Each structure stands twice: as C-alpha cells, then as structure tokens.
Amino acid sequence: MKALLAALFAVMIGLTFAGSTYAAEEKKMDAPAAAPAAAPAGGEMKKEEKKAEKKERKAKKVKKEEKKEEKK
C-alpha cells in the first residue's frame, strides 16, 4: 500500500512539473518574435547588476563584522 501511494505521489509530482514546463514553453511560443530578442539583453544586464550589488553588500557586511570583532 505504501509503495502504491509513493508511486502515485511521484507520478503526480512529475505531472505537475511537466505541466508547468509545458505551460512555460507555450507562453514563449505565443510571444511576438521581436520580444525574445530584446528581453534577454536587458535581463542579462539586470542579472549582472544584481550580482554586483549582492557582492558589494556581502563585502560591506564582512567589513562590518571585522570591525565588530576588532572592537571586542
């Protein structure tokens, strides 16, 4: 019984994942031809900017922690 339930659960998870992937692909297919060419360039820049900001925040956080340790 447990094996049957586990198998059904695995199938349901698989179908959910497959359905969401299929829906995403359909959404891409419905988009105009010019939109995908413009979207990745802007998206890549935003991602790079976000990564740079994240690194800066981490560096600041590390510096603050070092200062706290020096004060102790």
PDB file of N, CA and C in Angstrom:
ATOM      1  N   MET A   1       0.827  -1.195   0.000  1.00  0.00           N
ATOM      2  CA  MET A   1       0.000   0.000   0.000  1.00  0.00           C
ATOM      3  C   MET A   1       0.868   1.255   0.000  1.00  0.00           C
ATOM      4  N   LYS A   2       1.929   1.235   0.825  1.00  0.00           N
ATOM      5  CA  LYS A   2       2.816   2.391   0.880  1.00  0.00           C
ATOM      6  C   LYS A   2       3.507   2.598  -0.457  1.00  0.00           C
ATOM      7  N   ALA A   3       3.894   1.500  -1.093  1.00  0.00           N
ATOM      8  CA  ALA A   3       4.571   1.594  -2.384  1.00  0.00           C
ATOM      9  C   ALA A   3       3.639   2.195  -3.436  1.00  0.00           C
ATOM     10  N   LEU A   4       2.388   1.799  -3.391  1.00  0.00           N
ATOM     11  CA  LEU A   4       1.411   2.321  -4.331  1.00  0.00           C
ATOM     12  C   LEU A   4       1.214   3.823  -4.125  1.00  0.00           C
ATOM     13  N   LEU A   5       1.079   4.236  -2.875  1.00  0.00           N
ATOM     14  CA  LEU A   5       0.905   5.657  -2.580  1.00  0.00           C
ATOM     15  C   LEU A   5       2.146   6.456  -2.981  1.00  0.00           C
ATOM     16  N   ALA A   6       3.319   5.896  -2.725  1.00  0.00           N
ATOM     17  CA  ALA A   6       4.554   6.575  -3.102  1.00  0.00           C
ATOM     18  C   ALA A   6       4.643   6.714  -4.624  1.00  0.00           C
ATOM     19  N   ALA A   7       4.246   5.691  -5.342  1.00  0.00           N
ATOM     20  CA  ALA A   7       4.275   5.742  -6.802  1.00  0.00           C
ATOM     21  C   ALA A   7       3.293   6.785  -7.325  1.00  0.00           C
ATOM     22  N   LEU A   8       2.102   6.823  -6.761  1.00  0.00           N
ATOM     23  CA  LEU A   8       1.113   7.813  -7.180  1.00  0.00           C
ATOM     24  C   LEU A   8       1.595   9.232  -6.882  1.00  0.00           C
ATOM     25  N   PHE A   9       2.198   9.409  -5.734  1.00  0.00           N
ATOM     26  CA  PHE A   9       2.729  10.717  -5.357  1.00  0.00           C
ATOM     27  C   PHE A   9       3.814  11.137  -6.353  1.00  0.00           C
ATOM     28  N   ALA A  10       4.707  10.223  -6.700  1.00  0.00           N
ATOM     29  CA  ALA A  10       5.779  10.526  -7.650  1.00  0.00           C
ATOM     30  C   ALA A  10       5.213  10.888  -9.018  1.00  0.00           C
ATOM     31  N   VAL A  11       4.191  10.178  -9.447  1.00  0.00           N
ATOM     32  CA  VAL A  11       3.563  10.476 -10.733  1.00  0.00           C
ATOM     33  C   VAL A  11       2.917  11.853 -10.702  1.00  0.00           C
ATOM     34  N   MET A  12       2.236  12.182  -9.624  1.00  0.00           N
ATOM     35  CA  MET A  12       1.592  13.491  -9.518  1.00  0.00           C
ATOM     36  C   MET A  12       2.622  14.613  -9.540  1.00  0.00           C
ATOM     37  N   ILE A  13       3.730  14.440  -8.832  1.00  0.00           N
ATOM     38  CA  ILE A  13       4.793  15.450  -8.838  1.00  0.00           C
ATOM     39  C   ILE A  13       5.353  15.590 -10.249  1.00  0.00           C
ATOM     40  N   GLY A  14       5.587  14.474 -10.912  1.00  0.00           N
ATOM     41  CA  GLY A  14       6.098  14.504 -12.282  1.00  0.00           C
ATOM     42  C   GLY A  14       5.160  15.210 -13.240  1.00  0.00           C
ATOM     43  N   LEU A  15       3.879  14.929 -13.123  1.00  0.00           N
ATOM     44  CA  LEU A  15       2.900  15.576 -13.992  1.00  0.00           C
ATOM     45  C   LEU A  15       2.812  17.079 -13.718  1.00  0.00           C
ATOM     46  N   THR A  16       2.914  17.455 -12.460  1.00  0.00           N
ATOM     47  CA  THR A  16       2.887  18.876 -12.113  1.00  0.00           C
ATOM     48  C   THR A  16       4.061  19.593 -12.735  1.00  0.00           C
ATOM     49  N   PHE A  17       5.249  19.008 -12.596  1.00  0.00           N
ATOM     50  CA  PHE A  17       6.446  19.611 -13.168  1.00  0.00           C
ATOM     51  C   PHE A  17       6.346  19.680 -14.688  1.00  0.00           C
ATOM     52  N   ALA A  18       5.907  18.604 -15.307  1.00  0.00           N
ATOM     53  CA  ALA A  18       5.787  18.564 -16.764  1.00  0.00           C
ATOM     54  C   ALA A  18       4.756  19.591 -17.244  1.00  0.00           C
ATOM     55  N   GLY A  19       3.668  19.726 -16.520  1.00  0.00           N
ATOM     56  CA  GLY A  19       2.640  20.692 -16.904  1.00  0.00           C
ATOM     57  C   GLY A  19       3.128  22.117 -16.816  1.00  0.00           C
ATOM     58  N   SER A  20       3.854  22.451 -15.768  1.00  0.00           N
ATOM     59  CA  SER A  20       4.353  23.814 -15.627  1.00  0.00           C
ATOM     60  C   SER A  20       5.401  24.113 -16.689  1.00  0.00           C
ATOM     61  N   THR A  21       6.222  23.139 -17.015  1.00  0.00           N
ATOM     62  CA  THR A  21       7.224  23.320 -18.068  1.00  0.00           C
ATOM     63  C   THR A  21       6.541  23.520 -19.415  1.00  0.00           C
ATOM     64  N   TYR A  22       5.537  22.720 -19.680  1.00  0.00           N
ATOM     65  CA  TYR A  22       4.797  22.833 -20.941  1.00  0.00           C
ATOM     66  C   TYR A  22       4.125  24.202 -21.036  1.00  0.00           C
ATOM     67  N   ALA A  23       3.554  24.675 -19.950  1.00  0.00           N
ATOM     68  CA  ALA A  23       2.882  25.970 -19.952  1.00  0.00           C
ATOM     69  C   ALA A  23       3.885  27.093 -20.223  1.00  0.00           C
ATOM     70  N   ALA A  24       5.072  26.980 -19.660  1.00  0.00           N
ATOM     71  CA  ALA A  24       6.099  27.995 -19.891  1.00  0.00           C
ATOM     72  C   ALA A  24       6.523  28.009 -21.353  1.00  0.00           C
ATOM     73  N   GLU A  25       6.651  26.842 -21.942  1.00  0.00           N
ATOM     74  CA  GLU A  25       7.015  26.752 -23.357  1.00  0.00           C
ATOM     75  C   GLU A  25       5.910  27.337 -24.237  1.00  0.00           C
ATOM     76  N   GLU A  26       4.676  27.078 -23.895  1.00  0.00           N
ATOM     77  CA  GLU A  26       3.557  27.625 -24.658  1.00  0.00           C
ATOM     78  C   GLU A  26       3.557  29.146 -24.581  1.00  0.00           C
ATOM     79  N   LYS A  27       3.872  29.676 -23.418  1.00  0.00           N
ATOM     80  CA  LYS A  27       3.904  31.122 -23.237  1.00  0.00           C
ATOM     81  C   LYS A  27       4.984  31.734 -24.132  1.00  0.00           C
ATOM     82  N   LYS A  28       6.134  31.064 -24.223  1.00  0.00           N
ATOM     83  CA  LYS A  28       7.215  31.549 -25.082  1.00  0.00           C
ATOM     84  C   LYS A  28       6.788  31.519 -26.546  1.00  0.00           C
ATOM     85  N   MET A  29       6.054  30.488 -26.926  1.00  0.00           N
ATOM     86  CA  MET A  29       5.633  30.348 -28.313  1.00  0.00           C
ATOM     87  C   MET A  29       4.627  31.432 -28.695  1.00  0.00           C
ATOM     88  N   ASP A  30       3.814  31.870 -27.742  1.00  0.00           N
ATOM     89  CA  ASP A  30       2.797  32.879 -28.016  1.00  0.00           C
ATOM     90  C   ASP A  30       3.372  34.285 -28.095  1.00  0.00           C
ATOM     91  N   ALA A  31       4.571  34.495 -27.572  1.00  0.00           N
ATOM     92  CA  ALA A  31       5.174  35.827 -27.553  1.00  0.00           C
ATOM     93  C   ALA A  31       5.544  36.256 -28.969  1.00  0.00           C
ATOM     94  N   PRO A  32       5.522  37.561 -29.233  1.00  0.00           N
ATOM     95  CA  PRO A  32       5.925  38.051 -30.553  1.00  0.00           C
ATOM     96  C   PRO A  32       7.401  37.747 -30.815  1.00  0.00           C
ATOM     97  N   ALA A  33       7.772  37.701 -32.091  1.00  0.00           N
ATOM     98  CA  ALA A  33       9.138  37.333 -32.471  1.00  0.00           C
ATOM     99  C   ALA A  33      10.159  38.364 -32.009  1.00  0.00           C
ATOM    100  N   ALA A  34       9.837  39.639 -31.972  1.00  0.00           N
ATOM    101  CA  ALA A  34      10.788  40.677 -31.604  1.00  0.00           C
ATOM    102  C   ALA A  34      11.044  40.709 -30.096  1.00  0.00           C
ATOM    103  N   ALA A  35      10.086  40.317 -29.298  1.00  0.00           N
ATOM    104  CA  ALA A  35      10.222  40.406 -27.844  1.00  0.00           C
ATOM    105  C   ALA A  35      11.340  39.528 -27.279  1.00  0.00           C
ATOM    106  N   PRO A  36      11.494  38.276 -27.679  1.00  0.00           N
ATOM    107  CA  PRO A  36      12.565  37.472 -27.096  1.00  0.00           C
ATOM    108  C   PRO A  36      13.961  38.008 -27.388  1.00  0.00           C
ATOM    109  N   ALA A  37      14.162  38.634 -28.536  1.00  0.00           N
ATOM    110  CA  ALA A  37      15.476  39.170 -28.866  1.00  0.00           C
ATOM    111  C   ALA A  37      15.827  40.328 -27.952  1.00  0.00           C
ATOM    112  N   ALA A  38      14.861  41.146 -27.594  1.00  0.00           N
ATOM    113  CA  ALA A  38      15.128  42.312 -26.751  1.00  0.00           C
ATOM    114  C   ALA A  38      15.178  41.939 -25.271  1.00  0.00           C
ATOM    115  N   ALA A  39      14.400  40.986 -24.851  1.00  0.00           N
ATOM    116  CA  ALA A  39      14.301  40.660 -23.431  1.00  0.00           C
ATOM    117  C   ALA A  39      15.585  40.098 -22.838  1.00  0.00           C
ATOM    118  N   PRO A  40      16.288  39.145 -23.457  1.00  0.00           N
ATOM    119  CA  PRO A  40      17.476  38.595 -22.819  1.00  0.00           C
ATOM    120  C   PRO A  40      18.581  39.619 -22.599  1.00  0.00           C
ATOM    121  N   ALA A  41      18.773  40.548 -23.526  1.00  0.00           N
ATOM    122  CA  ALA A  41      19.840  41.529 -23.372  1.00  0.00           C
ATOM    123  C   ALA A  41      19.599  42.380 -22.132  1.00  0.00           C
ATOM    124  N   GLY A  42      18.380  42.880 -21.959  1.00  0.00           N
ATOM    125  CA  GLY A  42      18.066  43.675 -20.781  1.00  0.00           C
ATOM    126  C   GLY A  42      18.086  42.841 -19.528  1.00  0.00           C
ATOM    127  N   GLY A  43      17.610  41.615 -19.622  1.00  0.00           N
ATOM    128  CA  GLY A  43      17.584  40.724 -18.465  1.00  0.00           C
ATOM    129  C   GLY A  43      18.974  40.357 -18.003  1.00  0.00           C
ATOM    130  N   GLU A  44      19.885  40.154 -18.942  1.00  0.00           N
ATOM    131  CA  GLU A  44      21.257  39.806 -18.579  1.00  0.00           C
ATOM    132  C   GLU A  44      21.929  40.955 -17.858  1.00  0.00           C
ATOM    133  N   MET A  45      21.692  42.162 -18.306  1.00  0.00           N
ATOM    134  CA  MET A  45      22.289  43.322 -17.647  1.00  0.00           C
ATOM    135  C   MET A  45      21.753  43.444 -16.225  1.00  0.00           C
ATOM    136  N   LYS A  46      20.482  43.251 -16.069  1.00  0.00           N
ATOM    137  CA  LYS A  46      19.895  43.341 -14.740  1.00  0.00           C
ATOM    138  C   LYS A  46      20.471  42.282 -13.830  1.00  0.00           C
ATOM    139  N   LYS A  47      20.641  41.064 -14.352  1.00  0.00           N
ATOM    140  CA  LYS A  47      21.196  39.987 -13.549  1.00  0.00           C
ATOM    141  C   LYS A  47      22.617  40.318 -13.126  1.00  0.00           C
ATOM    142  N   GLU A  48      23.411  40.852 -14.054  1.00  0.00           N
ATOM    143  CA  GLU A  48      24.792  41.201 -13.734  1.00  0.00           C
ATOM    144  C   GLU A  48      24.839  42.317 -12.704  1.00  0.00           C
ATOM    145  N   GLU A  49      23.956  43.295 -12.849  1.00  0.00           N
ATOM    146  CA  GLU A  49      23.907  44.388 -11.883  1.00  0.00           C
ATOM    147  C   GLU A  49      23.499  43.864 -10.507  1.00  0.00           C
ATOM    148  N   LYS A  50      22.541  42.965 -10.465  1.00  0.00           N
ATOM    149  CA  LYS A  50      22.106  42.403  -9.192  1.00  0.00           C
ATOM    150  C   LYS A  50      23.238  41.630  -8.531  1.00  0.00           C
ATOM    151  N   LYS A  51      23.989  40.860  -9.336  1.00  0.00           N
ATOM    152  CA  LYS A  51      25.107  40.105  -8.790  1.00  0.00           C
ATOM    153  C   LYS A  51      26.160  41.037  -8.223  1.00  0.00           C
ATOM    154  N   ALA A  52      26.445  42.137  -8.934  1.00  0.00           N
ATOM    155  CA  ALA A  52      27.440  43.100  -8.468  1.00  0.00           C
ATOM    156  C   ALA A  52      26.988  43.742  -7.155  1.00  0.00           C
ATOM    157  N   GLU A  53      25.718  44.107  -7.082  1.00  0.00           N
ATOM    158  CA  GLU A  53      25.193  44.703  -5.851  1.00  0.00           C
ATOM    159  C   GLU A  53      25.251  43.713  -4.695  1.00  0.00           C
ATOM    160  N   LYS A  54      24.959  42.471  -4.983  1.00  0.00           N
ATOM    161  CA  LYS A  54      24.990  41.442  -3.954  1.00  0.00           C
ATOM    162  C   LYS A  54      26.407  41.270  -3.418  1.00  0.00           C
ATOM    163  N   LYS A  55      27.389  41.276  -4.312  1.00  0.00           N
ATOM    164  CA  LYS A  55      28.783  41.150  -3.896  1.00  0.00           C
ATOM    165  C   LYS A  55      29.201  42.336  -3.043  1.00  0.00           C
ATOM    166  N   GLU A  56      28.768  43.534  -3.426  1.00  0.00           N
ATOM    167  CA  GLU A  56      29.091  44.733  -2.653  1.00  0.00           C
ATOM    168  C   GLU A  56      28.484  44.647  -1.256  1.00  0.00           C
ATOM    169  N   ARG A  57      27.244  44.199  -1.176  1.00  0.00           N
ATOM    170  CA  ARG A  57      26.600  44.068   0.140  1.00  0.00           C
ATOM    171  C   ARG A  57      27.331  43.067   1.014  1.00  0.00           C
ATOM    172  N   LYS A  58      27.753  41.948   0.409  1.00  0.00           N
ATOM    173  CA  LYS A  58      28.486  40.943   1.171  1.00  0.00           C
ATOM    174  C   LYS A  58      29.803  41.511   1.672  1.00  0.00           C
ATOM    175  N   ALA A  59      30.489  42.267   0.812  1.00  0.00           N
ATOM    176  CA  ALA A  59      31.773  42.854   1.205  1.00  0.00           C
ATOM    177  C   ALA A  59      31.576  43.833   2.362  1.00  0.00           C
ATOM    178  N   LYS A  60      30.541  44.651   2.290  1.00  0.00           N
ATOM    179  CA  LYS A  60      30.250  45.592   3.373  1.00  0.00           C
ATOM    180  C   LYS A  60      29.935  44.857   4.663  1.00  0.00           C
ATOM    181  N   LYS A  61      29.176  43.783   4.548  1.00  0.00           N
ATOM    182  CA  LYS A  61      28.799  43.006   5.727  1.00  0.00           C
ATOM    183  C   LYS A  61      30.032  42.403   6.378  1.00  0.00           C
ATOM    184  N   VAL A  62      30.943  41.891   5.565  1.00  0.00           N
ATOM    185  CA  VAL A  62      32.170  41.289   6.088  1.00  0.00           C
ATOM    186  C   VAL A  62      33.003  42.354   6.796  1.00  0.00           C
ATOM    187  N   LYS A  63      33.102  43.548   6.203  1.00  0.00           N
ATOM    188  CA  LYS A  63      33.863  44.635   6.818  1.00  0.00           C
ATOM    189  C   LYS A  63      33.259  45.023   8.172  1.00  0.00           C
ATOM    190  N   LYS A  64      31.925  45.091   8.243  1.00  0.00           N
ATOM    191  CA  LYS A  64      31.263  45.431   9.500  1.00  0.00           C
ATOM    192  C   LYS A  64      31.558  44.383  10.567  1.00  0.00           C
ATOM    193  N   GLU A  65      31.499  43.117  10.177  1.00  0.00           N
ATOM    194  CA  GLU A  65      31.776  42.043  11.130  1.00  0.00           C
ATOM    195  C   GLU A  65      33.218  42.103  11.616  1.00  0.00           C
ATOM    196  N   GLU A  66      34.141  42.417  10.718  1.00  0.00           N
ATOM    197  CA  GLU A  66      35.546  42.528  11.108  1.00  0.00           C
ATOM    198  C   GLU A  66      35.743  43.675  12.092  1.00  0.00           C
ATOM    199  N   LYS A  67      35.068  44.795  11.862  1.00  0.00           N
ATOM    200  CA  LYS A  67      35.164  45.935  12.768  1.00  0.00           C
ATOM    201  C   LYS A  67      34.607  45.574  14.147  1.00  0.00           C
ATOM    202  N   LYS A  68      33.491  44.837  14.156  1.00  0.00           N
ATOM    203  CA  LYS A  68      32.893  44.418  15.433  1.00  0.00           C
ATOM    204  C   LYS A  68      33.864  43.531  16.201  1.00  0.00           C
ATOM    205  N   GLU A  69      34.515  42.610  15.498  1.00  0.00           N
ATOM    206  CA  GLU A  69      35.469  41.723  16.143  1.00  0.00           C
ATOM    207  C   GLU A  69      36.679  42.489  16.674  1.00  0.00           C
ATOM    208  N   GLU A  70      37.125  43.500  15.970  1.00  0.00           N
ATOM    209  CA  GLU A  70      38.265  44.309  16.410  1.00  0.00           C
ATOM    210  C   GLU A  70      37.916  45.097  17.669  1.00  0.00           C
ATOM    211  N   LYS A  71      36.682  45.570  17.762  1.00  0.00           N
ATOM    212  CA  LYS A  71      36.246  46.315  18.932  1.00  0.00           C
ATOM    213  C   LYS A  71      36.208  45.447  20.173  1.00  0.00           C
ATOM    214  N   LYS A  72      35.916  44.179  20.004  1.00  0.00           N
ATOM    215  CA  LYS A  72      35.821  43.277  21.155  1.00  0.00           C
ATOM    216  C   LYS A  72      37.213  42.986  21.610  1.00  0.00           C
TER     217      LYS A  72
END
